Amino acid sequence: MVLNREEYNNLIEILTKNLEANDEYTKSIASMTKENLLKYSLPREENDKIEIDIRLYINETVDIID
């Protein structure tokens, strides 16, 4: 999955807000996903734009989309 800088920052912000949810399942998914995004995402410059390559397993990507 490839995101631009704004999309990546929005995703991190949404995950941060989900950490405050009442649902424990949502909290655990948000925490794990945010940690993996911060650890395994690779920024790169493409045509004078910064894009972030998100390298996660398929099930982790499904959690983000869900």
Protein backbone atom coordinates (compact mmCIF):
# COMPACT_ATOMS: atom_id res chain seq x y z
CA MET A 1 0.00 0.00 0.00
CA VAL A 2 1.39 3.42 -0.93
CA LEU A 3 0.15 6.63 0.67
CA ASN A 4 1.13 10.24 0.29
CA ARG A 5 2.27 12.15 3.36
CA GLU A 6 -1.17 13.61 4.12
CA GLU A 7 -2.92 10.24 3.86
CA TYR A 8 -0.30 8.62 6.08
CA ASN A 9 -0.65 11.35 8.73
CA ASN A 10 -4.45 11.04 8.62
CA LEU A 11 -4.20 7.30 9.12
CA ILE A 12 -1.90 7.73 12.13
CA GLU A 13 -4.32 10.31 13.56
CA ILE A 14 -7.30 7.97 13.16
CA LEU A 15 -5.42 5.14 14.83
CA THR A 16 -4.47 7.44 17.70
CA LYS A 17 -8.13 8.37 18.20
CA ASN A 18 -9.09 4.68 18.10
CA LEU A 19 -6.74 4.06 21.03
CA GLU A 20 -9.28 5.98 23.15
CA ALA A 21 -12.22 3.78 22.09
CA ASN A 22 -14.35 1.91 24.61
CA ASP A 23 -14.02 -1.33 22.68
CA GLU A 24 -10.95 -3.38 23.68
CA TYR A 25 -10.77 -5.06 20.27
CA THR A 26 -10.59 -1.68 18.52
CA LYS A 27 -7.92 -0.49 20.96
CA SER A 28 -5.75 -3.56 20.44
CA ILE A 29 -6.00 -3.43 16.63
CA ALA A 30 -5.27 0.31 16.59
CA SER A 31 -2.27 -0.10 18.89
CA MET A 32 -0.76 -3.00 16.94
CA THR A 33 -1.39 -1.35 13.57
CA LYS A 34 0.02 2.03 14.60
CA GLU A 35 3.12 0.39 16.02
CA ASN A 36 3.68 -1.59 12.82
CA LEU A 37 3.08 1.46 10.62
CA LEU A 38 5.64 3.49 12.50
CA LYS A 39 8.12 0.64 12.46
CA TYR A 40 7.81 -0.75 8.91
CA SER A 41 6.69 2.14 6.69
CA LEU A 42 9.32 3.39 4.25
CA PRO A 43 9.23 6.95 2.95
CA ARG A 44 10.52 7.61 -0.56
CA GLU A 45 10.65 10.55 -2.90
CA GLU A 46 8.78 10.09 -6.15
CA ASN A 47 8.49 12.93 -8.69
CA ASP A 48 9.24 15.56 -6.04
CA LYS A 49 6.55 14.11 -3.77
CA ILE A 50 7.04 12.06 -0.66
CA GLU A 51 5.22 8.74 -0.69
CA ILE A 52 5.14 6.22 2.12
CA ASP A 53 5.41 2.55 1.26
CA ILE A 54 3.47 0.57 3.84
CA ARG A 55 4.71 -2.96 4.04
CA LEU A 56 2.35 -4.99 6.15
CA TYR A 57 0.88 -8.46 6.02
CA ILE A 58 -2.46 -8.83 4.26
CA ASN A 59 -4.38 -9.32 7.52
CA GLU A 60 -2.87 -6.11 8.93
CA THR A 61 -3.89 -4.21 5.81
CA VAL A 62 -7.41 -5.60 6.11
CA ASP A 63 -7.55 -4.28 9.70
CA ILE A 64 -6.62 -0.80 8.46
CA ILE A 65 -9.27 -0.84 5.74
CA ASP A 66 -11.88 -2.26 8.10
